Amino acid sequence: TSNYFLHLHCRCLHTTVGFLKKKTATENWWLERHLKDPFVKATKQQNYRCRSAFKLLEIDDKFHILRPGLSVLDCGAAPGAWSQVAVEKVNALGTDPSAPTGFVLGVDLMRISPLEGAVFLPEADITDPNTLRAIQSLLPAGKVDAILSDMAPNATGIKDLDHQKLISLCLGLVNLAQSILKPKGTLLCKFWDGHESRVLQNRLKEQFREVKTLKPQASRKDSSESYFLARLYKGK
């Protein structure tokens, strides 16, 4: 039996799949789809850490939520693909000396490999008050212009339960915004379709002047994931 492995990145999970002589039909289908995925190929070509980078790139190309000089909080940042995009877009490295320099802070329960231009707060629970204090201490002026979230809970396989857990995480981000998001700021968060989605949408509409539901092309068609883009935060 062959012992070489293919390392696949899916959001912030690093999944190792062994190529065995005997694979189930489902495994064969999954591997074939992955290897043919144009976004997987583009990820390697453009040196992004995960194909999810193209979801944020597509959203930003259309709505211009990231600009030089902005401060960004990337929640559920591992393995760091969204932070890579944010570093480029906000000029965090000062690559363009004629543009203002931004700031990118990534937070995740997992460890994150260092990324030039970003500050990472690994092994941190975004729902823990201690994490909020740590975030505020690291941010310029303690505030951000944009909160990005591609995070998701560990899946149980029970669709309704997983949906509810992710909605709860997103509602937590809305609460977090009250402490660290600048007026007129932006919140972009992933959610899984379900009956609680309207609760999150209504909460966002209370806090933001504009809320859109997005399904990027880089999100697989058979995936239940979508994104809420909430702009123009009303502030306190």
Protein backbone atom coordinates (compact mmCIF):
# COMPACT_ATOMS: atom_id res chain seq x y z
CA THR A 1 0.00 0.00 0.00
CA SER A 2 1.28 3.45 -0.88
CA ASN A 3 1.97 5.72 2.10
CA TYR A 4 2.22 9.13 0.47
CA PHE A 5 -0.33 11.75 1.40
CA LEU A 6 -2.14 14.73 -0.05
CA HIS A 7 -2.54 17.65 2.33
CA LEU A 8 -5.76 19.51 1.75
CA HIS A 9 -6.77 22.81 3.31
CA CYS A 10 -10.47 23.31 4.02
CA ARG A 11 -11.14 26.60 5.82
CA CYS A 12 -8.83 26.35 8.85
CA LEU A 13 -8.69 22.56 8.97
CA HIS A 14 -5.70 20.70 7.62
CA THR A 15 -7.04 17.35 6.44
CA THR A 16 -4.66 14.54 5.55
CA VAL A 17 -5.99 11.99 3.11
CA GLY A 18 -4.10 8.76 2.44
CA PHE A 19 -4.05 7.25 -1.01
CA LEU A 20 -4.84 3.62 -0.40
CA LYS A 21 -5.29 0.78 -2.90
CA LYS A 22 -8.91 0.48 -1.86
CA LYS A 23 -10.95 3.66 -1.62
CA THR A 24 -14.69 4.00 -1.29
CA ALA A 25 -16.70 5.49 -4.15
CA THR A 26 -17.25 8.60 -2.02
CA GLU A 27 -13.51 9.02 -1.42
CA ASN A 28 -12.75 8.61 -5.11
CA TRP A 29 -15.40 11.21 -6.01
CA TRP A 30 -14.14 13.66 -3.37
CA LEU A 31 -10.49 13.36 -4.46
CA GLU A 32 -11.37 13.65 -8.14
CA ARG A 33 -13.45 16.77 -7.51
CA HIS A 34 -10.72 18.32 -5.39
CA LEU A 35 -7.96 17.69 -7.92
CA LYS A 36 -10.08 19.14 -10.75
CA ASP A 37 -11.14 22.20 -8.73
CA PRO A 38 -9.86 25.31 -10.58
CA PHE A 39 -9.63 27.23 -7.31
CA VAL A 40 -7.37 24.54 -5.82
CA LYS A 41 -5.08 24.88 -8.84
CA ALA A 42 -5.14 28.69 -8.60
CA THR A 43 -4.35 28.47 -4.88
CA LYS A 44 -1.09 26.68 -5.67
CA GLN A 45 -0.25 28.98 -8.56
CA GLN A 46 -0.79 32.17 -6.55
CA ASN A 47 0.69 30.83 -3.30
CA TYR A 48 -2.38 31.24 -1.15
CA ARG A 49 -2.67 29.00 1.87
CA CYS A 50 -6.24 27.89 1.10
CA ARG A 51 -8.76 28.08 -1.76
CA SER A 52 -10.99 30.18 0.50
CA ALA A 53 -8.79 33.17 -0.42
CA PHE A 54 -10.74 33.39 -3.68
CA LYS A 55 -14.04 33.85 -1.84
CA LEU A 56 -12.72 36.98 -0.16
CA LEU A 57 -11.01 38.18 -3.34
CA GLU A 58 -14.27 37.86 -5.28
CA ILE A 59 -16.28 39.68 -2.61
CA ASP A 60 -13.71 42.46 -2.33
CA ASP A 61 -13.41 42.88 -6.10
CA LYS A 62 -17.16 43.55 -6.21
CA PHE A 63 -17.72 45.54 -3.02
CA HIS A 64 -14.27 47.04 -2.22
CA ILE A 65 -14.43 46.36 1.49
CA LEU A 66 -10.62 46.33 1.91
CA ARG A 67 -8.54 49.41 1.11
CA PRO A 68 -5.04 50.66 1.94
CA GLY A 69 -4.82 51.98 5.48
CA LEU A 70 -7.68 49.95 6.98
CA SER A 71 -7.38 47.88 10.16
CA VAL A 72 -8.80 44.35 9.85
CA LEU A 73 -9.68 41.59 12.31
CA ASP A 74 -9.71 38.12 10.71
CA CYS A 75 -11.69 35.69 12.89
CA GLY A 76 -11.11 31.98 12.35
CA ALA A 77 -7.95 32.97 10.51
CA ALA A 78 -6.16 29.61 10.22
CA PRO A 79 -4.49 28.64 7.97
CA GLY A 80 -4.16 32.33 7.02
CA ALA A 81 -5.52 32.68 3.47
CA TRP A 82 -7.92 35.51 4.27
CA SER A 83 -5.17 37.28 6.20
CA GLN A 84 -2.95 36.96 3.11
CA VAL A 85 -5.59 38.72 1.03
CA ALA A 86 -6.14 41.37 3.70
CA VAL A 87 -2.39 42.09 3.98
CA GLU A 88 -2.27 42.72 0.23
CA LYS A 89 -5.42 44.81 0.08
CA VAL A 90 -4.79 47.11 3.07
CA ASN A 91 -1.09 47.57 2.24
CA ALA A 92 -0.06 46.15 5.63
CA LEU A 93 3.53 45.65 4.42
CA GLY A 94 3.75 49.19 3.07
CA THR A 95 4.50 47.76 -0.38
CA ASP A 96 2.97 50.85 -1.95
CA PRO A 97 4.78 53.80 -0.31
CA SER A 98 2.28 56.25 -1.81
CA ALA A 99 -0.66 54.60 0.01
CA PRO A 100 -1.47 54.44 3.74
CA THR A 101 -0.35 51.33 5.62
CA GLY A 102 -3.02 49.09 7.13
CA PHE A 103 -3.04 46.52 9.91
CA VAL A 104 -4.18 42.88 9.98
CA LEU A 105 -4.84 40.84 13.12
CA GLY A 106 -5.84 37.18 12.85
CA VAL A 107 -7.42 35.11 15.64
CA ASP A 108 -8.07 31.36 15.77
CA LEU A 109 -8.38 28.43 18.17
CA MET A 110 -5.66 26.74 16.12
CA ARG A 111 -2.01 27.61 15.64
CA ILE A 112 -1.26 29.72 12.56
CA SER A 113 2.02 29.79 10.67
CA PRO A 114 3.59 33.27 10.75
CA LEU A 115 2.68 35.60 7.90
CA GLU A 116 4.64 38.73 7.08
CA GLY A 117 2.42 41.77 7.45
CA ALA A 118 -0.06 40.14 9.86
CA VAL A 119 -0.18 39.73 13.63
CA PHE A 120 -1.69 36.45 14.81
CA LEU A 121 -3.35 35.60 18.12
CA PRO A 122 -3.40 31.79 17.96
CA GLU A 123 -5.04 29.29 20.31
CA ALA A 124 -7.50 32.00 21.35
CA ASP A 125 -11.26 31.63 21.76
CA ILE A 126 -13.03 34.59 20.16
CA THR A 127 -15.90 34.15 22.65
CA ASP A 128 -13.58 34.52 25.69
CA PRO A 129 -13.53 38.01 27.30
CA ASN A 130 -9.76 37.61 27.76
CA THR A 131 -9.43 37.30 23.98
CA LEU A 132 -11.32 40.57 23.50
CA ARG A 133 -8.91 42.33 25.84
CA ALA A 134 -5.93 40.84 23.99
CA ILE A 135 -7.40 41.95 20.64
CA GLN A 136 -7.94 45.49 21.89
CA SER A 137 -4.38 45.69 23.19
CA LEU A 138 -2.99 44.68 19.80
CA LEU A 139 -5.14 46.92 17.60
CA PRO A 140 -4.09 50.45 16.68
CA ALA A 141 -6.38 52.66 18.81
CA GLY A 142 -8.18 49.47 19.89
CA LYS A 143 -10.56 49.57 16.91
CA VAL A 144 -10.92 48.01 13.44
CA ASP A 145 -12.50 49.11 10.17
CA ALA A 146 -13.54 45.57 9.18
CA ILE A 147 -14.27 42.26 10.90
CA LEU A 148 -13.92 39.24 8.62
CA SER A 149 -15.05 35.75 9.57
CA ASP A 150 -14.70 32.50 7.66
CA MET A 151 -14.78 30.56 10.91
CA ALA A 152 -16.95 27.54 11.57
CA PRO A 153 -17.48 25.24 14.57
CA ASN A 154 -16.26 21.67 14.59
CA ALA A 155 -18.94 19.85 12.64
CA THR A 156 -21.04 17.23 14.41
CA GLY A 157 -22.67 16.01 11.20
CA ILE A 158 -26.07 17.04 12.56
CA LYS A 159 -27.07 19.78 10.14
CA ASP A 160 -29.42 21.76 12.38
CA LEU A 161 -27.03 21.67 15.33
CA ASP A 162 -24.04 22.74 13.24
CA HIS A 163 -26.13 25.54 11.72
CA GLN A 164 -27.17 26.80 15.15
CA LYS A 165 -23.59 26.68 16.46
CA LEU A 166 -22.31 28.77 13.55
CA ILE A 167 -25.14 31.30 13.89
CA SER A 168 -24.24 31.62 17.58
CA LEU A 169 -20.63 32.35 16.65
CA CYS A 170 -21.76 35.01 14.18
CA LEU A 171 -24.07 36.60 16.74
CA GLY A 172 -21.05 36.74 19.02
CA LEU A 173 -19.23 38.73 16.34
CA VAL A 174 -22.08 41.25 16.27
CA ASN A 175 -21.61 41.67 20.02
CA LEU A 176 -17.84 41.96 19.51
CA ALA A 177 -18.43 44.73 16.97
CA GLN A 178 -19.94 46.88 19.71
CA SER A 179 -16.52 46.99 21.40
CA ILE A 180 -14.08 47.20 18.51
CA LEU A 181 -15.74 48.15 15.20
CA LYS A 182 -15.47 51.76 14.07
CA PRO A 183 -18.61 53.63 13.00
CA LYS A 184 -19.35 52.94 9.29
CA GLY A 185 -17.27 49.76 9.58
CA THR A 186 -17.87 46.41 7.85
CA LEU A 187 -18.61 42.88 9.05
CA LEU A 188 -18.37 39.90 6.68
CA CYS A 189 -19.30 36.50 8.11
CA LYS A 190 -19.92 33.02 6.80
CA PHE A 191 -23.09 31.16 7.79
CA TRP A 192 -24.74 27.88 6.89
CA ASP A 193 -28.30 28.01 5.58
CA GLY A 194 -30.99 27.16 8.07
CA HIS A 195 -33.94 28.43 10.06
CA GLU A 196 -31.80 30.62 12.36
CA SER A 197 -30.26 32.59 9.47
CA ARG A 198 -33.07 35.15 9.63
CA VAL A 199 -32.28 35.82 13.31
CA LEU A 200 -28.70 36.74 12.39
CA GLN A 201 -29.81 38.77 9.38
CA ASN A 202 -32.26 40.79 11.47
CA ARG A 203 -29.63 41.43 14.13
CA LEU A 204 -27.23 42.69 11.48
CA LYS A 205 -29.91 44.97 10.05
CA GLU A 206 -30.35 46.51 13.49
CA GLN A 207 -26.66 47.35 13.70
CA PHE A 208 -25.73 48.09 10.08
CA ARG A 209 -27.32 50.28 7.42
CA GLU A 210 -26.76 47.78 4.60
CA VAL A 211 -26.85 43.95 4.70
CA LYS A 212 -26.36 41.69 1.67
CA THR A 213 -26.42 37.90 1.28
CA LEU A 214 -23.62 36.58 -0.93
CA LYS A 215 -22.69 33.23 -2.48
CA PRO A 216 -19.21 33.53 -4.06
CA GLN A 217 -18.38 31.40 -7.08
CA ALA A 218 -15.54 29.86 -5.07
CA SER A 219 -18.13 28.41 -2.68
CA ARG A 220 -18.98 24.98 -4.00
CA LYS A 221 -22.49 24.72 -5.43
CA ASP A 222 -23.36 21.79 -3.17
CA SER A 223 -22.26 23.70 -0.07
CA SER A 224 -24.82 25.27 2.25
CA GLU A 225 -22.47 28.15 3.06
CA SER A 226 -23.25 31.76 2.25
CA TYR A 227 -21.99 35.07 3.58
CA PHE A 228 -23.61 38.11 5.12
CA LEU A 229 -21.91 41.37 4.17
CA ALA A 230 -22.96 44.07 6.62
CA ARG A 231 -21.72 47.60 5.92
CA LEU A 232 -21.98 51.06 7.45
CA TYR A 233 -21.99 50.08 11.12
CA LYS A 234 -24.22 52.42 13.08
CA GLY A 235 -22.02 52.35 16.15
CA LYS A 236 -23.13 53.27 19.61
